[in-house]
Amino acid sequence: MSNTTPRQLDLPFPSNIPAIRIMQDYGISLSNARNLVYGIWKLPDDQQDFLWNYYLLKWDSEFFLTSISDSGTITVQGRTYHVHYHRCNPASIKDYKSVWLSLRVWQQGLKQPNVALVKPAHQVNIIGD
């Protein structure tokens, strides 16, 4: 029988895993952050830190419809965004003159897709929704 003490390894915390990194760096779980990004039009000011960029654009509906790819993405200033329709019927977009896009870019190390929430312009209260 050996009289050795098990050696304790001093391994770094795996901060390259997005779910761990977002909790460490921003104090929010990845699932809660995703719920905010995909489900809330106006993000609370104190819950935007995990995003690198977050802003609104108003586009002509026809321009938007011709800009969306077959895979459901748009490109704005060289950056690709996955389109998600926020509380509206995607087929109804053509019936409106313009749409609002809420563009959300995650912090780089979180390895999440950029998101564009889209809704007809008449449905948006810029101050909050």
N, C-alpha and C. Protein backbone atom coordinates (compact mmCIF):
# COMPACT_ATOMS: atom_id res chain seq x y z
N MET A 1 0.83 -1.17 0.00
CA MET A 1 0.00 0.00 0.00
C MET A 1 0.88 1.24 0.00
N SER A 2 0.60 2.13 -0.92
CA SER A 2 1.40 3.33 -1.06
C SER A 2 0.97 4.39 -0.06
N ASN A 3 1.92 5.12 0.42
CA ASN A 3 1.65 6.15 1.40
C ASN A 3 1.77 7.53 0.76
N THR A 4 1.21 7.67 -0.41
CA THR A 4 1.30 8.96 -1.10
C THR A 4 -0.02 9.70 -1.01
N THR A 5 0.08 10.98 -0.97
CA THR A 5 -1.10 11.84 -0.95
C THR A 5 -1.45 12.19 -2.39
N PRO A 6 -2.73 12.14 -2.73
CA PRO A 6 -3.09 12.50 -4.11
C PRO A 6 -2.69 13.94 -4.41
N ARG A 7 -2.16 14.13 -5.57
CA ARG A 7 -1.73 15.46 -5.98
C ARG A 7 -2.93 16.24 -6.49
N GLN A 8 -3.06 17.48 -6.04
CA GLN A 8 -4.16 18.33 -6.49
C GLN A 8 -3.69 19.12 -7.69
N LEU A 9 -4.42 19.03 -8.76
CA LEU A 9 -4.07 19.77 -9.97
C LEU A 9 -4.64 21.17 -9.92
N ASP A 10 -3.85 22.13 -10.27
CA ASP A 10 -4.29 23.53 -10.28
C ASP A 10 -4.62 23.90 -11.73
N LEU A 11 -5.83 23.53 -12.15
CA LEU A 11 -6.24 23.78 -13.52
C LEU A 11 -7.01 25.09 -13.61
N PRO A 12 -6.82 25.83 -14.68
CA PRO A 12 -7.57 27.08 -14.83
C PRO A 12 -9.06 26.79 -15.05
N PHE A 13 -9.90 27.69 -14.59
CA PHE A 13 -11.34 27.58 -14.80
C PHE A 13 -11.61 27.71 -16.29
N PRO A 14 -12.41 26.85 -16.88
CA PRO A 14 -12.59 26.85 -18.35
C PRO A 14 -13.42 28.04 -18.84
N SER A 15 -12.82 29.23 -18.86
CA SER A 15 -13.56 30.43 -19.24
C SER A 15 -13.79 30.55 -20.75
N ASN A 16 -13.30 29.57 -21.51
CA ASN A 16 -13.56 29.59 -22.96
C ASN A 16 -14.93 29.01 -23.29
N ILE A 17 -15.65 28.49 -22.32
CA ILE A 17 -16.99 27.97 -22.53
C ILE A 17 -17.97 29.13 -22.35
N PRO A 18 -18.75 29.48 -23.39
CA PRO A 18 -19.60 30.67 -23.33
C PRO A 18 -20.52 30.74 -22.11
N ALA A 19 -21.12 29.62 -21.72
CA ALA A 19 -22.05 29.64 -20.59
C ALA A 19 -21.35 30.00 -19.29
N ILE A 20 -20.10 29.57 -19.13
CA ILE A 20 -19.34 29.89 -17.94
C ILE A 20 -18.82 31.32 -18.02
N ARG A 21 -18.34 31.69 -19.19
CA ARG A 21 -17.76 33.02 -19.35
C ARG A 21 -18.79 34.12 -19.12
N ILE A 22 -20.01 33.97 -19.64
CA ILE A 22 -21.01 35.02 -19.48
C ILE A 22 -21.39 35.17 -18.00
N MET A 23 -21.44 34.07 -17.28
CA MET A 23 -21.76 34.15 -15.85
C MET A 23 -20.61 34.83 -15.09
N GLN A 24 -19.38 34.47 -15.42
CA GLN A 24 -18.23 35.07 -14.76
C GLN A 24 -18.13 36.57 -15.05
N ASP A 25 -18.24 36.92 -16.32
CA ASP A 25 -17.98 38.29 -16.74
C ASP A 25 -19.16 39.23 -16.57
N TYR A 26 -20.40 38.71 -16.70
CA TYR A 26 -21.55 39.60 -16.74
C TYR A 26 -22.62 39.27 -15.70
N GLY A 27 -22.45 38.20 -14.96
CA GLY A 27 -23.37 37.86 -13.88
C GLY A 27 -24.76 37.46 -14.34
N ILE A 28 -24.86 36.90 -15.53
CA ILE A 28 -26.14 36.44 -16.06
C ILE A 28 -25.92 35.09 -16.73
N SER A 29 -26.91 34.22 -16.62
CA SER A 29 -26.76 32.91 -17.28
C SER A 29 -26.95 33.09 -18.79
N LEU A 30 -26.37 32.17 -19.54
CA LEU A 30 -26.50 32.23 -20.99
C LEU A 30 -27.96 32.10 -21.42
N SER A 31 -28.71 31.24 -20.75
CA SER A 31 -30.12 31.08 -21.13
C SER A 31 -30.91 32.36 -20.86
N ASN A 32 -30.64 33.04 -19.74
CA ASN A 32 -31.33 34.31 -19.48
C ASN A 32 -30.92 35.39 -20.48
N ALA A 33 -29.65 35.41 -20.83
CA ALA A 33 -29.19 36.38 -21.82
C ALA A 33 -29.85 36.12 -23.18
N ARG A 34 -29.96 34.86 -23.57
CA ARG A 34 -30.63 34.53 -24.83
C ARG A 34 -32.10 34.95 -24.79
N ASN A 35 -32.77 34.71 -23.65
CA ASN A 35 -34.17 35.13 -23.52
C ASN A 35 -34.30 36.63 -23.71
N LEU A 36 -33.38 37.40 -23.18
CA LEU A 36 -33.41 38.85 -23.36
C LEU A 36 -33.18 39.22 -24.82
N VAL A 37 -32.17 38.63 -25.42
CA VAL A 37 -31.79 38.99 -26.80
C VAL A 37 -32.89 38.64 -27.80
N TYR A 38 -33.51 37.48 -27.63
CA TYR A 38 -34.51 37.03 -28.59
C TYR A 38 -35.93 37.44 -28.24
N GLY A 39 -36.18 37.81 -26.98
CA GLY A 39 -37.55 38.03 -26.58
C GLY A 39 -37.94 39.42 -26.14
N ILE A 40 -36.98 40.28 -25.85
CA ILE A 40 -37.28 41.60 -25.32
C ILE A 40 -36.86 42.65 -26.34
N TRP A 41 -37.80 43.50 -26.74
CA TRP A 41 -37.48 44.53 -27.73
C TRP A 41 -36.54 45.58 -27.15
N LYS A 42 -36.89 46.13 -26.01
CA LYS A 42 -36.07 47.17 -25.37
C LYS A 42 -35.36 46.52 -24.18
N LEU A 43 -34.06 46.30 -24.32
CA LEU A 43 -33.31 45.67 -23.24
C LEU A 43 -33.09 46.67 -22.10
N PRO A 44 -33.23 46.22 -20.86
CA PRO A 44 -32.93 47.09 -19.73
C PRO A 44 -31.48 47.58 -19.79
N ASP A 45 -31.25 48.83 -19.43
CA ASP A 45 -29.91 49.40 -19.50
C ASP A 45 -28.88 48.58 -18.73
N ASP A 46 -29.27 48.03 -17.60
CA ASP A 46 -28.32 47.29 -16.77
C ASP A 46 -28.13 45.84 -17.24
N GLN A 47 -28.76 45.47 -18.34
CA GLN A 47 -28.61 44.11 -18.85
C GLN A 47 -28.20 44.10 -20.32
N GLN A 48 -27.32 45.03 -20.67
CA GLN A 48 -26.82 45.09 -22.04
C GLN A 48 -25.31 44.84 -22.11
N ASP A 49 -24.66 44.65 -20.98
CA ASP A 49 -23.20 44.52 -20.95
C ASP A 49 -22.68 43.34 -21.77
N PHE A 50 -23.46 42.28 -21.86
CA PHE A 50 -23.00 41.09 -22.58
C PHE A 50 -23.10 41.28 -24.10
N LEU A 51 -23.65 42.43 -24.53
CA LEU A 51 -23.70 42.76 -25.95
C LEU A 51 -22.58 43.75 -26.29
N TRP A 52 -21.93 43.52 -27.40
CA TRP A 52 -20.90 44.42 -27.86
C TRP A 52 -21.54 45.65 -28.49
N ASN A 53 -22.65 45.44 -29.20
CA ASN A 53 -23.35 46.53 -29.86
C ASN A 53 -24.84 46.22 -29.88
N TYR A 54 -25.64 47.29 -29.77
CA TYR A 54 -27.09 47.15 -29.71
C TYR A 54 -27.68 48.46 -30.20
N TYR A 55 -28.39 48.41 -31.34
CA TYR A 55 -28.95 49.65 -31.87
C TYR A 55 -30.14 49.36 -32.79
N LEU A 56 -30.88 50.41 -33.10
CA LEU A 56 -32.07 50.31 -33.96
C LEU A 56 -31.81 50.91 -35.32
N LEU A 57 -32.42 50.31 -36.33
CA LEU A 57 -32.44 50.85 -37.69
C LEU A 57 -33.87 50.80 -38.21
N LYS A 58 -34.25 51.79 -38.97
CA LYS A 58 -35.55 51.76 -39.64
C LYS A 58 -35.30 51.60 -41.13
N TRP A 59 -35.88 50.55 -41.70
CA TRP A 59 -35.70 50.25 -43.11
C TRP A 59 -37.05 50.25 -43.81
N ASP A 60 -37.03 50.56 -45.08
CA ASP A 60 -38.18 50.38 -45.94
C ASP A 60 -38.47 48.88 -46.00
N SER A 61 -39.72 48.50 -45.88
CA SER A 61 -40.07 47.06 -45.86
C SER A 61 -39.62 46.35 -47.12
N GLU A 62 -39.79 47.00 -48.26
CA GLU A 62 -39.38 46.37 -49.52
C GLU A 62 -37.87 46.13 -49.53
N PHE A 63 -37.11 47.10 -49.05
CA PHE A 63 -35.65 46.94 -48.99
C PHE A 63 -35.29 45.78 -48.05
N PHE A 64 -35.96 45.71 -46.91
CA PHE A 64 -35.71 44.61 -45.98
C PHE A 64 -35.99 43.26 -46.65
N LEU A 65 -37.14 43.15 -47.30
CA LEU A 65 -37.52 41.87 -47.90
C LEU A 65 -36.57 41.44 -49.01
N THR A 66 -35.99 42.40 -49.73
CA THR A 66 -35.02 42.04 -50.77
C THR A 66 -33.63 41.79 -50.18
N SER A 67 -33.41 42.21 -48.95
CA SER A 67 -32.09 42.04 -48.32
C SER A 67 -31.96 40.73 -47.55
N ILE A 68 -33.09 40.13 -47.18
CA ILE A 68 -33.02 38.91 -46.38
C ILE A 68 -32.65 37.72 -47.28
N SER A 69 -31.73 36.91 -46.79
CA SER A 69 -31.27 35.76 -47.58
C SER A 69 -32.22 34.58 -47.41
N ASP A 70 -32.03 33.56 -48.24
CA ASP A 70 -32.83 32.34 -48.14
C ASP A 70 -32.63 31.65 -46.80
N SER A 71 -31.48 31.87 -46.18
CA SER A 71 -31.20 31.22 -44.89
C SER A 71 -31.70 32.05 -43.70
N GLY A 72 -32.38 33.17 -43.98
CA GLY A 72 -32.96 33.97 -42.90
C GLY A 72 -31.99 34.92 -42.23
N THR A 73 -31.02 35.40 -42.99
CA THR A 73 -30.07 36.36 -42.43
C THR A 73 -30.06 37.63 -43.26
N ILE A 74 -29.59 38.70 -42.64
CA ILE A 74 -29.34 39.95 -43.36
C ILE A 74 -27.92 40.39 -43.03
N THR A 75 -27.37 41.20 -43.89
CA THR A 75 -26.04 41.73 -43.66
C THR A 75 -26.14 43.25 -43.58
N VAL A 76 -25.62 43.80 -42.49
CA VAL A 76 -25.61 45.24 -42.27
C VAL A 76 -24.18 45.65 -41.97
N GLN A 77 -23.63 46.52 -42.79
CA GLN A 77 -22.26 47.01 -42.62
C GLN A 77 -21.26 45.87 -42.47
N GLY A 78 -21.43 44.84 -43.30
CA GLY A 78 -20.50 43.72 -43.32
C GLY A 78 -20.70 42.68 -42.22
N ARG A 79 -21.68 42.86 -41.37
CA ARG A 79 -21.94 41.93 -40.28
C ARG A 79 -23.24 41.19 -40.55
N THR A 80 -23.25 39.87 -40.38
CA THR A 80 -24.43 39.05 -40.65
C THR A 80 -25.24 38.88 -39.37
N TYR A 81 -26.57 38.99 -39.52
CA TYR A 81 -27.50 38.86 -38.40
C TYR A 81 -28.56 37.81 -38.74
N HIS A 82 -28.91 37.00 -37.77
CA HIS A 82 -30.03 36.05 -37.90
C HIS A 82 -31.31 36.82 -37.62
N VAL A 83 -32.27 36.74 -38.53
CA VAL A 83 -33.52 37.49 -38.41
C VAL A 83 -34.53 36.72 -37.56
N HIS A 84 -35.11 37.43 -36.59
CA HIS A 84 -36.18 36.89 -35.76
C HIS A 84 -37.29 37.93 -35.73
N TYR A 85 -38.48 37.50 -36.08
CA TYR A 85 -39.62 38.42 -36.10
C TYR A 85 -40.18 38.52 -34.68
N HIS A 86 -40.29 39.73 -34.21
CA HIS A 86 -40.70 39.97 -32.82
C HIS A 86 -42.18 40.29 -32.75
N ARG A 87 -42.95 39.33 -32.27
CA ARG A 87 -44.39 39.50 -32.04
C ARG A 87 -45.13 40.02 -33.28
N CYS A 88 -44.76 39.47 -34.41
CA CYS A 88 -45.47 39.81 -35.65
C CYS A 88 -45.40 38.63 -36.60
N ASN A 89 -46.29 38.65 -37.57
CA ASN A 89 -46.34 37.62 -38.59
C ASN A 89 -45.37 38.01 -39.71
N PRO A 90 -44.36 37.18 -39.99
CA PRO A 90 -43.40 37.52 -41.05
C PRO A 90 -44.06 37.82 -42.39
N ALA A 91 -45.16 37.14 -42.69
CA ALA A 91 -45.83 37.36 -43.98
C ALA A 91 -46.47 38.74 -44.06
N SER A 92 -46.71 39.37 -42.91
CA SER A 92 -47.37 40.68 -42.92
C SER A 92 -46.41 41.84 -43.15
N ILE A 93 -45.11 41.59 -43.11
CA ILE A 93 -44.12 42.67 -43.28
C ILE A 93 -44.34 43.41 -44.59
N LYS A 94 -44.69 42.69 -45.63
CA LYS A 94 -44.88 43.31 -46.95
C LYS A 94 -46.04 44.30 -46.97
N ASP A 95 -46.93 44.22 -45.99
CA ASP A 95 -48.09 45.10 -45.94
C ASP A 95 -47.79 46.45 -45.29
N TYR A 96 -46.59 46.64 -44.81
CA TYR A 96 -46.23 47.88 -44.11
C TYR A 96 -45.15 48.63 -44.87
N LYS A 97 -45.14 49.93 -44.70
CA LYS A 97 -44.18 50.78 -45.40
C LYS A 97 -42.76 50.57 -44.89
N SER A 98 -42.61 50.40 -43.58
CA SER A 98 -41.27 50.27 -43.02
C SER A 98 -41.25 49.31 -41.83
N VAL A 99 -40.03 48.87 -41.50
CA VAL A 99 -39.81 47.97 -40.37
C VAL A 99 -38.69 48.53 -39.50
N TRP A 100 -38.74 48.17 -38.22
CA TRP A 100 -37.64 48.46 -37.31
C TRP A 100 -36.83 47.20 -37.16
N LEU A 101 -35.51 47.36 -37.13
CA LEU A 101 -34.59 46.27 -36.84
C LEU A 101 -33.86 46.63 -35.56
N SER A 102 -33.89 45.76 -34.60
CA SER A 102 -33.12 45.92 -33.38
C SER A 102 -31.94 44.96 -33.50
N LEU A 103 -30.77 45.53 -33.76
CA LEU A 103 -29.58 44.72 -34.04
C LEU A 103 -28.79 44.49 -32.76
N ARG A 104 -28.44 43.24 -32.53
CA ARG A 104 -27.75 42.84 -31.29
C ARG A 104 -26.52 42.02 -31.63
N VAL A 105 -25.37 42.50 -31.20
CA VAL A 105 -24.10 41.80 -31.43
C VAL A 105 -23.54 41.40 -30.07
N TRP A 106 -23.38 40.11 -29.88
CA TRP A 106 -22.84 39.59 -28.61
C TRP A 106 -21.37 39.96 -28.46
N GLN A 107 -20.91 40.02 -27.22
CA GLN A 107 -19.47 40.16 -26.97
C GLN A 107 -18.76 39.00 -27.64
N GLN A 108 -17.62 39.26 -28.22
CA GLN A 108 -16.94 38.28 -29.08
C GLN A 108 -16.68 36.94 -28.43
N GLY A 109 -16.21 36.89 -27.22
CA GLY A 109 -15.87 35.63 -26.58
C GLY A 109 -17.05 34.74 -26.26
N LEU A 110 -18.28 35.26 -26.38
CA LEU A 110 -19.46 34.48 -26.04
C LEU A 110 -19.92 33.57 -27.18
N LYS A 111 -19.39 33.77 -28.37
CA LYS A 111 -19.62 32.87 -29.51
C LYS A 111 -21.09 32.61 -29.80
N GLN A 112 -21.89 33.67 -29.82
CA GLN A 112 -23.31 33.56 -30.12
C GLN A 112 -23.60 34.30 -31.42
N PRO A 113 -24.62 33.88 -32.17
CA PRO A 113 -24.92 34.55 -33.44
C PRO A 113 -25.52 35.95 -33.21
N ASN A 114 -25.17 36.86 -34.10
CA ASN A 114 -25.78 38.19 -34.07
C ASN A 114 -27.26 38.05 -34.40
N VAL A 115 -28.07 38.92 -33.82
CA VAL A 115 -29.51 38.81 -33.94
C VAL A 115 -30.10 40.13 -34.41
N ALA A 116 -31.06 40.04 -35.34
CA ALA A 116 -31.86 41.19 -35.74
C ALA A 116 -33.32 40.88 -35.42
N LEU A 117 -33.86 41.55 -34.40
CA LEU A 117 -35.30 41.44 -34.14
C LEU A 117 -35.98 42.41 -35.09
N VAL A 118 -37.06 41.96 -35.71
CA VAL A 118 -37.74 42.76 -36.73
C VAL A 118 -39.22 42.86 -36.40
N LYS A 119 -39.78 44.06 -36.60
CA LYS A 119 -41.23 44.24 -36.47
C LYS A 119 -41.65 45.45 -37.29
N PRO A 120 -42.91 45.48 -37.73
CA PRO A 120 -43.40 46.64 -38.48
C PRO A 120 -43.23 47.91 -37.66
N ALA A 121 -42.90 49.00 -38.35
CA ALA A 121 -42.61 50.27 -37.67
C ALA A 121 -43.78 50.78 -36.85
N HIS A 122 -45.00 50.51 -37.27
CA HIS A 122 -46.14 51.01 -36.51
C HIS A 122 -46.28 50.36 -35.14
N GLN A 123 -45.61 49.20 -34.92
CA GLN A 123 -45.74 48.48 -33.66
C GLN A 123 -44.72 48.92 -32.61
N VAL A 124 -43.82 49.81 -32.95
CA VAL A 124 -42.71 50.10 -32.07
C VAL A 124 -42.86 51.45 -31.38
N ASN A 125 -42.77 51.41 -30.07
CA ASN A 125 -42.64 52.61 -29.27
C ASN A 125 -41.15 52.71 -28.97
N ILE A 126 -40.45 53.68 -29.54
CA ILE A 126 -39.00 53.77 -29.43
C ILE A 126 -38.56 53.87 -27.98
N ILE A 127 -39.34 54.52 -27.14
CA ILE A 127 -38.95 54.70 -25.75
C ILE A 127 -38.97 53.38 -25.00
N GLY A 128 -39.86 52.51 -25.32
CA GLY A 128 -39.93 51.20 -24.67
C GLY A 128 -41.07 50.39 -25.21
N ASP A 129 -40.92 49.08 -25.15
CA ASP A 129 -41.95 48.20 -25.68
C ASP A 129 -42.07 46.98 -24.82
